[in-house]
Amino acid sequence: MSINIRLCHQDDLEIVRTILWETWKESYSKFIPLDDLMGYLNEQYTIKKLTEQYHDTNVIGYVAEYDDVIAGYEKTYYSEKENRLYVQQLYILPVYQNLGLGK
């Protein structure tokens, strides 16, 4: 078992969308219709919007790799106004949860 955490690269953004979708389905589909989840993904997390975030100097994304497979995504946001760093998102694909990737 090999775990690696690294900066997210622009060519990772498609897998980031997949991670968001798969984790949302697992977490929210019991009380939010799949069509609504997909609509939100397609509205708020297009490749264009993810690319804009990628180029935002206040946003830093990381991916977690498990045996060289991207299995998770984390996004931080630095608020200059508040002088605070926030972890805004942390998603681990369901099959890779409980392996220590989110620590």
Protein backbone atom coordinates (compact mmCIF):
# COMPACT_ATOMS: atom_id res chain seq x y z
CA MET A 1 0.00 0.00 0.00
CA SER A 2 1.41 3.34 -1.08
CA ILE A 3 -0.23 6.69 -0.19
CA ASN A 4 0.88 9.92 -1.82
CA ILE A 5 -0.57 13.41 -1.36
CA ARG A 6 0.37 15.92 -4.04
CA LEU A 7 -0.75 19.20 -5.55
CA CYS A 8 -3.62 18.87 -7.97
CA HIS A 9 -2.60 19.46 -11.57
CA GLN A 10 -4.83 20.91 -14.24
CA ASP A 11 -4.95 17.55 -16.02
CA ASP A 12 -6.44 16.03 -12.82
CA LEU A 13 -9.62 18.10 -13.03
CA GLU A 14 -11.68 15.49 -14.88
CA ILE A 15 -10.95 12.90 -12.16
CA VAL A 16 -11.75 15.55 -9.55
CA ARG A 17 -15.23 15.84 -11.10
CA THR A 18 -15.54 12.05 -10.94
CA ILE A 19 -14.51 12.03 -7.28
CA LEU A 20 -17.07 14.74 -6.48
CA TRP A 21 -19.81 12.83 -8.30
CA GLU A 22 -19.05 9.43 -6.77
CA THR A 23 -18.78 10.77 -3.22
CA TRP A 24 -21.91 12.89 -3.58
CA LYS A 25 -23.90 9.91 -4.82
CA GLU A 26 -22.74 7.84 -1.87
CA SER A 27 -23.32 10.58 0.71
CA TYR A 28 -26.36 12.49 -0.48
CA SER A 29 -28.47 10.33 -2.82
CA LYS A 30 -30.60 9.02 0.05
CA PHE A 31 -32.15 12.48 0.48
CA ILE A 32 -31.23 14.48 -2.65
CA PRO A 33 -32.41 13.22 -6.06
CA LEU A 34 -29.61 12.18 -8.41
CA ASP A 35 -30.87 14.59 -11.05
CA ASP A 36 -30.43 17.46 -8.59
CA LEU A 37 -26.93 16.31 -7.67
CA MET A 38 -25.95 16.00 -11.33
CA GLY A 39 -27.46 19.39 -12.08
CA TYR A 40 -25.40 20.98 -9.32
CA LEU A 41 -22.24 19.25 -10.52
CA ASN A 42 -22.87 20.39 -14.10
CA GLU A 43 -23.63 23.93 -12.95
CA GLN A 44 -20.99 24.54 -10.28
CA TYR A 45 -18.17 22.11 -11.16
CA THR A 46 -17.69 22.29 -14.88
CA ILE A 47 -14.14 21.86 -16.16
CA LYS A 48 -14.20 25.58 -16.94
CA LYS A 49 -15.09 26.50 -13.34
CA LEU A 50 -12.61 24.00 -11.91
CA THR A 51 -9.95 25.49 -14.18
CA GLU A 52 -10.78 28.98 -12.91
CA GLN A 53 -10.38 27.72 -9.33
CA TYR A 54 -7.13 26.03 -10.31
CA HIS A 55 -5.74 29.39 -11.46
CA ASP A 56 -7.02 31.29 -8.39
CA THR A 57 -3.95 32.00 -6.23
CA ASN A 58 -6.08 31.74 -3.06
CA VAL A 59 -7.19 28.19 -3.89
CA ILE A 60 -4.93 25.16 -3.60
CA GLY A 61 -6.08 21.67 -4.47
CA TYR A 62 -4.47 18.38 -3.51
CA VAL A 63 -5.10 14.85 -4.65
CA ALA A 64 -4.56 11.69 -2.65
CA GLU A 65 -3.15 8.73 -4.54
CA TYR A 66 -3.47 5.17 -3.34
CA ASP A 67 -1.12 2.83 -5.20
CA ASP A 68 -0.82 5.46 -7.95
CA VAL A 69 -4.61 5.81 -8.38
CA ILE A 70 -6.17 9.19 -7.58
CA ALA A 71 -8.60 8.34 -4.81
CA GLY A 72 -9.34 11.68 -3.16
CA TYR A 73 -9.41 15.44 -3.49
CA GLU A 74 -8.99 18.28 -1.02
CA LYS A 75 -9.34 22.02 -1.66
CA THR A 76 -8.11 24.81 0.56
CA TYR A 77 -9.03 28.47 0.30
CA TYR A 78 -7.09 31.37 1.76
CA SER A 79 -9.26 34.34 2.74
CA GLU A 80 -7.08 37.43 2.55
CA LYS A 81 -9.79 39.51 4.24
CA GLU A 82 -9.88 37.18 7.26
CA ASN A 83 -6.25 36.04 7.04
CA ARG A 84 -7.50 32.44 7.40
CA LEU A 85 -6.95 29.22 5.55
CA TYR A 86 -10.00 27.02 5.11
CA VAL A 87 -10.33 23.40 4.09
CA GLN A 88 -13.32 23.80 1.80
CA GLN A 89 -13.63 20.29 0.42
CA LEU A 90 -12.34 16.87 1.33
CA TYR A 91 -13.62 13.93 -0.68
CA ILE A 92 -12.35 10.36 -0.73
CA LEU A 93 -13.87 7.83 -3.13
CA PRO A 94 -16.01 5.39 -1.14
CA VAL A 95 -13.90 2.34 -2.02
CA TYR A 96 -10.79 4.09 -0.59
CA GLN A 97 -12.35 5.40 2.63
CA ASN A 98 -11.01 4.30 6.02
CA LEU A 99 -7.46 3.85 4.65
CA GLY A 100 -6.06 7.07 6.13
CA LEU A 101 -6.19 9.19 2.98
CA GLY A 102 -8.09 12.04 4.64
CA LYS A 103 -5.76 12.45 7.61
